[in-house]
Every structure is written in C-alpha cells, then in structure tokens.
C-alpha cells in the first residue's frame, strides 16, 4: 500500500509526539556533553542546576501527555484517511482498520 494523498505528512505528526515524549523522558537528567560544551566550569559552579534538563510542573507534564495521546490519534486518522483517499483501502477497510488502530492505543 502506498498512500500519498497527504504527501506522507502524517509522519510529521509522529515526529511531533515523539519530540514531546523525549522532553518528558529527559527531565532532570544530566545534559549531554555536546550540550555542556558551550559553558565553562565557572558557569556550572555558579549555576549547577544548568547541568540538568528542565523538570516540568505536574500540570505541564499532564498537558504534554494529553497532547501526545491526541497527536497519536491524529496520526492514525491521517494515515487511515490517506490510504482511503489514495484508493489503497475501501470503506470497510477504513472503518475496521481505524477501529483496530485506535483500540491498539488503549
């Protein structure tokens, strides 16, 4: 199956939610040597907290999580509709595959 009705832009949706997830996953962890190389030792002596990635408030974390869930659904809808409009799936396949994909999120 090829799709292409949306120029495969549904994969950009995946990139967005993966980037948000990465922000959640790296909270409070020490920054990479690549990120730290821009600062000198004196800077970190003065601002030791800058060695670590930001930790988001609980309510902000929940917003990120809610956004990820919505974006995952948006990606599924875009993919299924793309295949339907491209002629790769018929109406029955659209309905059944959409339901199956959404059920798999749960």
Protein backbone atom coordinates (compact mmCIF):
# COMPACT_ATOMS: atom_id res chain seq x y z
CA UNK A 1 0.00 0.00 0.00
CA UNK A 2 1.30 3.37 -0.90
CA UNK A 3 -0.91 6.19 0.33
CA UNK A 4 0.32 9.63 -0.57
CA UNK A 5 -2.86 11.70 -0.55
CA UNK A 6 -1.28 13.93 2.09
CA UNK A 7 2.26 13.68 0.69
CA UNK A 8 3.09 11.40 3.64
CA UNK A 9 2.91 14.35 6.03
CA UNK A 10 1.19 12.21 8.65
CA UNK A 11 4.68 11.11 9.64
CA UNK A 12 5.37 14.67 10.76
CA UNK A 13 2.65 14.19 13.37
CA UNK A 14 4.59 11.21 14.71
CA UNK A 15 7.76 13.30 14.88
CA UNK A 16 5.96 15.93 16.96
CA UNK A 17 4.63 13.50 19.56
CA UNK A 18 7.97 11.69 19.71
CA UNK A 19 9.72 15.03 20.34
CA UNK A 20 7.28 15.84 23.14
CA UNK A 21 7.83 12.38 24.64
CA UNK A 22 11.59 12.97 24.51
CA UNK A 23 11.12 16.16 26.52
CA UNK A 24 9.27 14.20 29.18
CA UNK A 25 11.83 11.40 29.20
CA UNK A 26 14.88 13.61 29.66
CA UNK A 27 13.52 15.66 32.57
CA UNK A 28 16.03 16.07 35.36
CA UNK A 29 18.73 14.10 33.56
CA UNK A 30 22.20 15.46 33.09
CA UNK A 31 22.61 17.21 29.75
CA UNK A 32 24.80 15.62 27.12
CA UNK A 33 28.46 16.53 26.81
CA UNK A 34 27.55 18.12 23.49
CA UNK A 35 25.10 20.48 25.23
CA UNK A 36 27.51 21.18 28.08
CA UNK A 37 30.48 22.05 25.90
CA UNK A 38 29.26 25.62 25.40
CA UNK A 39 29.84 26.51 29.06
CA UNK A 40 32.92 26.65 31.22
CA UNK A 41 33.48 25.19 34.69
CA UNK A 42 32.88 28.54 36.41
CA UNK A 43 29.45 28.81 34.86
CA UNK A 44 28.39 25.47 36.32
CA UNK A 45 29.86 26.37 39.69
CA UNK A 46 27.61 29.43 39.69
CA UNK A 47 24.58 27.67 38.11
CA UNK A 48 24.89 23.94 38.93
CA UNK A 49 21.24 23.34 38.02
CA UNK A 50 22.07 24.18 34.40
CA UNK A 51 23.82 20.82 34.06
CA UNK A 52 20.41 19.13 34.08
CA UNK A 53 17.44 19.23 31.75
CA UNK A 54 14.38 21.12 32.89
CA UNK A 55 11.76 19.39 35.04
CA UNK A 56 8.24 20.46 34.11
CA UNK A 57 5.49 21.07 36.64
CA UNK A 58 2.98 18.24 37.06
CA UNK A 59 0.20 20.13 35.26
CA UNK A 60 2.51 20.90 32.33
CA UNK A 61 3.59 17.26 32.18
CA UNK A 62 -0.09 16.27 32.00
CA UNK A 63 -0.64 18.71 29.13
CA UNK A 64 2.29 17.11 27.30
CA UNK A 65 0.85 13.62 27.92
CA UNK A 66 -2.62 14.67 26.76
CA UNK A 67 -1.09 16.23 23.65
CA UNK A 68 0.81 13.04 22.88
CA UNK A 69 -2.39 10.99 23.11
CA UNK A 70 -4.26 13.38 20.82
CA UNK A 71 -1.40 13.51 18.31
CA UNK A 72 -1.18 9.71 18.22
CA UNK A 73 -4.88 9.60 17.35
CA UNK A 74 -4.41 12.33 14.75
CA UNK A 75 -1.60 10.32 13.15
CA UNK A 76 -3.82 7.24 12.95
CA UNK A 77 -6.73 9.18 11.46
CA UNK A 78 -4.46 10.86 8.91
CA UNK A 79 -2.93 7.51 7.90
CA UNK A 80 -6.24 5.71 7.54
CA UNK A 81 -7.88 8.55 5.61
CA UNK A 82 -4.77 8.85 3.44
CA UNK A 83 -4.96 5.20 2.44
CA UNK A 84 -8.68 5.51 1.77
CA UNK A 85 -8.32 8.62 -0.40
CA UNK A 86 -5.39 7.04 -2.24
CA UNK A 87 -7.51 4.02 -3.14
CA UNK A 88 -5.45 1.60 -1.06
CA UNK A 89 -8.36 0.87 1.30
CA UNK A 90 -12.09 0.71 0.73
CA UNK A 91 -14.76 2.00 3.07
CA UNK A 92 -14.97 -1.23 5.05
CA UNK A 93 -11.19 -1.36 5.47
CA UNK A 94 -11.12 2.29 6.54
CA UNK A 95 -13.68 1.66 9.25
CA UNK A 96 -12.23 -1.62 10.53
CA UNK A 97 -8.57 -0.56 10.41
CA UNK A 98 -9.31 2.75 12.10
CA UNK A 99 -11.12 0.97 14.91
CA UNK A 100 -8.33 -1.60 15.25
CA UNK A 101 -5.58 1.03 15.32
CA UNK A 102 -7.43 3.15 17.88
CA UNK A 103 -8.13 0.09 20.05
CA UNK A 104 -4.41 -0.74 19.99
CA UNK A 105 -3.66 2.65 21.60
CA UNK A 106 -5.60 1.72 24.69
